[in-house]
N, C-alpha and C. Protein backbone atom coordinates (compact mmCIF):
# COMPACT_ATOMS: atom_id res chain seq x y z
N MET A 1 -15.43 16.60 2.94
CA MET A 1 -14.03 16.27 3.19
C MET A 1 -13.43 15.66 1.92
N GLU A 2 -12.24 16.12 1.58
CA GLU A 2 -11.56 15.61 0.39
C GLU A 2 -11.00 14.22 0.65
N LYS A 3 -11.01 13.40 -0.39
CA LYS A 3 -10.48 12.04 -0.27
C LYS A 3 -8.96 12.08 -0.09
N PRO A 4 -8.44 11.22 0.81
CA PRO A 4 -6.98 11.13 0.96
C PRO A 4 -6.35 10.58 -0.32
N GLU A 5 -5.12 10.99 -0.58
CA GLU A 5 -4.42 10.57 -1.80
C GLU A 5 -4.31 9.05 -1.89
N ILE A 6 -4.08 8.38 -0.77
CA ILE A 6 -3.94 6.92 -0.79
C ILE A 6 -5.24 6.25 -1.26
N LEU A 7 -6.38 6.83 -0.92
CA LEU A 7 -7.67 6.30 -1.37
C LEU A 7 -7.83 6.53 -2.87
N LYS A 8 -7.43 7.69 -3.34
CA LYS A 8 -7.50 7.98 -4.79
C LYS A 8 -6.63 7.01 -5.58
N ARG A 9 -5.40 6.77 -5.07
CA ARG A 9 -4.47 5.88 -5.77
C ARG A 9 -5.03 4.46 -5.84
N LEU A 10 -5.52 3.94 -4.71
CA LEU A 10 -6.04 2.58 -4.71
C LEU A 10 -7.27 2.46 -5.59
N THR A 11 -8.11 3.47 -5.60
CA THR A 11 -9.30 3.47 -6.46
C THR A 11 -8.88 3.37 -7.93
N ARG A 12 -7.86 4.16 -8.32
CA ARG A 12 -7.36 4.10 -9.71
C ARG A 12 -6.80 2.71 -10.03
N GLN A 13 -6.06 2.13 -9.09
CA GLN A 13 -5.49 0.80 -9.32
C GLN A 13 -6.59 -0.24 -9.51
N LEU A 14 -7.60 -0.21 -8.66
CA LEU A 14 -8.69 -1.17 -8.77
C LEU A 14 -9.48 -0.97 -10.06
N ARG A 15 -9.70 0.29 -10.43
CA ARG A 15 -10.41 0.58 -11.69
C ARG A 15 -9.61 0.02 -12.86
N GLY A 16 -8.30 0.18 -12.82
CA GLY A 16 -7.43 -0.33 -13.88
C GLY A 16 -7.44 -1.85 -13.99
N LYS A 17 -7.74 -2.52 -12.88
CA LYS A 17 -7.82 -3.98 -12.87
C LYS A 17 -9.22 -4.48 -13.22
N GLY A 18 -10.13 -3.54 -13.51
CA GLY A 18 -11.47 -3.93 -13.93
C GLY A 18 -12.47 -4.12 -12.80
N ASP A 19 -12.15 -3.64 -11.61
CA ASP A 19 -13.07 -3.74 -10.48
C ASP A 19 -14.35 -2.98 -10.82
N LYS A 20 -15.48 -3.58 -10.54
CA LYS A 20 -16.77 -2.96 -10.87
C LYS A 20 -17.17 -1.86 -9.90
N GLU A 21 -16.64 -1.90 -8.67
CA GLU A 21 -16.93 -0.87 -7.67
C GLU A 21 -15.63 -0.43 -7.00
N PRO A 22 -14.74 0.21 -7.74
CA PRO A 22 -13.41 0.53 -7.20
C PRO A 22 -13.42 1.46 -6.00
N SER A 23 -14.27 2.47 -5.98
CA SER A 23 -14.31 3.41 -4.86
C SER A 23 -14.74 2.72 -3.57
N LYS A 24 -15.80 1.95 -3.68
CA LYS A 24 -16.34 1.24 -2.52
C LYS A 24 -15.32 0.22 -2.00
N ASN A 25 -14.74 -0.57 -2.89
CA ASN A 25 -13.81 -1.62 -2.49
C ASN A 25 -12.50 -1.06 -1.94
N ALA A 26 -12.05 0.06 -2.48
CA ALA A 26 -10.84 0.70 -1.96
C ALA A 26 -11.07 1.17 -0.53
N LEU A 27 -12.21 1.76 -0.28
CA LEU A 27 -12.54 2.23 1.06
C LEU A 27 -12.65 1.06 2.04
N ILE A 28 -13.28 -0.02 1.63
CA ILE A 28 -13.40 -1.21 2.48
C ILE A 28 -12.01 -1.75 2.82
N TYR A 29 -11.16 -1.87 1.83
CA TYR A 29 -9.81 -2.39 2.03
C TYR A 29 -9.01 -1.51 2.99
N LEU A 30 -9.02 -0.21 2.76
CA LEU A 30 -8.23 0.70 3.60
C LEU A 30 -8.76 0.75 5.03
N ARG A 31 -10.04 0.62 5.20
CA ARG A 31 -10.58 0.56 6.57
C ARG A 31 -10.22 -0.77 7.24
N LYS A 32 -10.28 -1.84 6.49
CA LYS A 32 -9.94 -3.16 7.03
C LYS A 32 -8.51 -3.19 7.57
N PHE A 33 -7.60 -2.51 6.88
CA PHE A 33 -6.19 -2.53 7.28
C PHE A 33 -5.80 -1.33 8.14
N GLY A 34 -6.80 -0.59 8.64
CA GLY A 34 -6.52 0.48 9.59
C GLY A 34 -5.86 1.70 9.01
N ILE A 35 -6.10 1.97 7.74
CA ILE A 35 -5.51 3.14 7.09
C ILE A 35 -6.46 4.34 7.20
N ILE A 36 -7.75 4.07 7.10
CA ILE A 36 -8.79 5.10 7.20
C ILE A 36 -9.74 4.71 8.32
N GLU A 37 -10.17 5.71 9.10
CA GLU A 37 -11.09 5.47 10.21
C GLU A 37 -12.40 4.88 9.69
N GLN A 38 -13.06 4.09 10.53
CA GLN A 38 -14.26 3.36 10.13
C GLN A 38 -15.43 4.25 9.70
N ASP A 39 -15.65 5.37 10.36
CA ASP A 39 -16.85 6.17 10.08
C ASP A 39 -16.58 7.48 9.36
N SER A 40 -15.41 7.62 8.77
CA SER A 40 -15.10 8.86 8.06
C SER A 40 -14.04 8.59 6.99
N LEU A 41 -13.56 9.65 6.38
CA LEU A 41 -12.46 9.54 5.41
C LEU A 41 -11.15 10.00 6.03
N LYS A 42 -11.13 10.14 7.35
CA LYS A 42 -9.95 10.62 8.06
C LYS A 42 -8.91 9.50 8.17
N LEU A 43 -7.65 9.85 7.88
CA LEU A 43 -6.57 8.87 7.98
C LEU A 43 -6.23 8.60 9.44
N THR A 44 -5.91 7.35 9.73
CA THR A 44 -5.39 6.99 11.05
C THR A 44 -3.91 7.37 11.08
N GLU A 45 -3.25 7.20 12.22
CA GLU A 45 -1.81 7.49 12.28
C GLU A 45 -1.06 6.60 11.29
N LYS A 46 -1.43 5.32 11.24
CA LYS A 46 -0.81 4.40 10.28
C LYS A 46 -1.07 4.89 8.85
N GLY A 47 -2.29 5.35 8.60
CA GLY A 47 -2.67 5.85 7.28
C GLY A 47 -1.88 7.08 6.88
N LYS A 48 -1.61 7.97 7.84
CA LYS A 48 -0.83 9.16 7.55
C LYS A 48 0.58 8.78 7.11
N LYS A 49 1.17 7.80 7.78
CA LYS A 49 2.52 7.36 7.42
C LYS A 49 2.53 6.75 6.03
N ARG A 50 1.56 5.87 5.74
CA ARG A 50 1.52 5.20 4.45
C ARG A 50 1.19 6.18 3.32
N ASN A 51 0.36 7.16 3.62
CA ASN A 51 -0.01 8.17 2.62
C ASN A 51 1.20 9.00 2.20
N GLU A 52 2.15 9.19 3.09
CA GLU A 52 3.35 9.97 2.80
C GLU A 52 4.41 9.16 2.03
N MET A 53 4.27 7.82 2.03
CA MET A 53 5.25 6.97 1.35
C MET A 53 5.05 7.00 -0.17
N SER A 54 6.14 6.79 -0.88
CA SER A 54 6.05 6.63 -2.34
C SER A 54 5.57 5.21 -2.63
N PRO A 55 5.14 4.93 -3.86
CA PRO A 55 4.74 3.57 -4.19
C PRO A 55 5.86 2.55 -3.93
N GLY A 56 7.09 2.93 -4.22
CA GLY A 56 8.22 2.04 -3.98
C GLY A 56 8.43 1.75 -2.51
N GLU A 57 8.30 2.78 -1.69
CA GLU A 57 8.45 2.60 -0.25
C GLU A 57 7.37 1.69 0.31
N ARG A 58 6.13 1.87 -0.18
CA ARG A 58 5.04 1.00 0.29
C ARG A 58 5.27 -0.44 -0.14
N ALA A 59 5.71 -0.65 -1.38
CA ALA A 59 5.95 -2.01 -1.87
C ALA A 59 7.08 -2.68 -1.08
N LYS A 60 8.14 -1.96 -0.81
CA LYS A 60 9.25 -2.51 -0.03
C LYS A 60 8.81 -2.82 1.39
N ASP A 61 8.01 -1.95 1.97
CA ASP A 61 7.49 -2.17 3.31
C ASP A 61 6.61 -3.42 3.37
N ARG A 62 5.73 -3.57 2.38
CA ARG A 62 4.86 -4.76 2.31
C ARG A 62 5.70 -6.02 2.20
N ALA A 63 6.66 -6.00 1.29
CA ALA A 63 7.49 -7.19 1.05
C ALA A 63 8.29 -7.56 2.30
N SER A 64 8.80 -6.57 3.02
CA SER A 64 9.60 -6.87 4.21
C SER A 64 8.74 -7.45 5.33
N LYS A 65 7.47 -7.06 5.38
CA LYS A 65 6.57 -7.56 6.43
C LYS A 65 6.01 -8.93 6.11
N TYR A 66 5.68 -9.15 4.85
CA TYR A 66 4.96 -10.36 4.48
C TYR A 66 5.77 -11.34 3.66
N GLY A 67 7.05 -11.10 3.52
CA GLY A 67 7.90 -11.95 2.68
C GLY A 67 8.36 -13.23 3.35
N GLY A 68 8.05 -13.41 4.63
CA GLY A 68 8.44 -14.64 5.31
C GLY A 68 9.83 -14.60 5.91
N ARG A 69 10.55 -13.51 5.70
CA ARG A 69 11.88 -13.33 6.26
C ARG A 69 11.90 -12.05 7.07
N LYS A 70 12.89 -11.94 7.92
CA LYS A 70 13.04 -10.71 8.70
C LYS A 70 14.08 -9.83 8.01
N ASN A 71 13.63 -9.12 6.98
CA ASN A 71 14.51 -8.25 6.22
C ASN A 71 14.06 -6.80 6.38
N ASP A 72 15.00 -5.92 6.22
CA ASP A 72 14.75 -4.49 6.23
C ASP A 72 14.19 -4.09 4.86
N PRO A 73 13.30 -3.10 4.80
CA PRO A 73 12.80 -2.67 3.50
C PRO A 73 13.91 -2.29 2.52
N SER A 74 15.05 -1.82 3.02
CA SER A 74 16.14 -1.45 2.12
C SER A 74 16.80 -2.67 1.46
N ASP A 75 16.45 -3.88 1.92
CA ASP A 75 16.97 -5.11 1.31
C ASP A 75 16.21 -5.47 0.03
N TYR A 76 15.23 -4.66 -0.35
CA TYR A 76 14.38 -4.96 -1.50
C TYR A 76 14.59 -3.97 -2.63
N VAL A 77 14.28 -4.42 -3.83
CA VAL A 77 14.34 -3.60 -5.04
C VAL A 77 12.92 -3.46 -5.57
N TYR A 78 12.55 -2.25 -5.92
CA TYR A 78 11.19 -1.96 -6.40
C TYR A 78 11.13 -1.98 -7.92
N ASP A 79 10.09 -2.61 -8.46
CA ASP A 79 9.83 -2.63 -9.89
C ASP A 79 8.54 -1.85 -10.14
N ALA A 80 8.67 -0.66 -10.72
CA ALA A 80 7.51 0.20 -10.94
C ALA A 80 6.50 -0.40 -11.91
N LYS A 81 6.94 -1.23 -12.82
CA LYS A 81 6.02 -1.84 -13.80
C LYS A 81 5.03 -2.78 -13.12
N THR A 82 5.49 -3.48 -12.10
CA THR A 82 4.62 -4.46 -11.42
C THR A 82 4.14 -3.98 -10.05
N ASN A 83 4.70 -2.85 -9.58
CA ASN A 83 4.42 -2.32 -8.24
C ASN A 83 4.74 -3.37 -7.17
N GLN A 84 5.80 -4.12 -7.42
CA GLN A 84 6.25 -5.16 -6.50
C GLN A 84 7.68 -4.91 -6.08
N ALA A 85 8.03 -5.39 -4.90
CA ALA A 85 9.41 -5.32 -4.43
C ALA A 85 9.92 -6.75 -4.26
N THR A 86 11.14 -6.98 -4.70
CA THR A 86 11.74 -8.30 -4.56
C THR A 86 13.05 -8.18 -3.78
N LEU A 87 13.40 -9.25 -3.12
CA LEU A 87 14.60 -9.27 -2.31
C LEU A 87 15.83 -9.13 -3.19
N ARG A 88 16.75 -8.29 -2.78
CA ARG A 88 18.01 -8.13 -3.52
C ARG A 88 18.76 -9.44 -3.50
N TYR A 89 19.47 -9.71 -4.54
CA TYR A 89 20.27 -10.93 -4.64
C TYR A 89 21.24 -11.03 -3.47
N GLY A 90 21.27 -12.17 -2.81
CA GLY A 90 22.21 -12.43 -1.73
C GLY A 90 21.77 -11.94 -0.37
N LYS A 91 20.56 -11.36 -0.26
CA LYS A 91 20.09 -10.86 1.03
C LYS A 91 19.18 -11.91 1.69
N THR A 92 19.65 -12.49 2.75
CA THR A 92 18.83 -13.40 3.54
C THR A 92 19.16 -13.20 5.00
N ARG A 93 18.19 -13.34 5.84
CA ARG A 93 18.38 -13.26 7.30
C ARG A 93 17.56 -14.31 7.95
């Protein structure tokens, strides 16, 4: 079975950060968060949705969920250099 694109991307990111076991750690992370099924490389429904998102969409989604505010992902601006999304100026709820 071919590796899902989201697993390939995370493996590259971890390798770039100097992770000594990027493939193994990427798989552990994605399984922990319900993106890939526990006993295979098959994507879960959540994983299929995230796999289809662009890096900017994923960053905005993460920021809206974990930013401590109840904001819509469209309230965020994506910075490709840092792979981070920040709240647009003046947006608070």
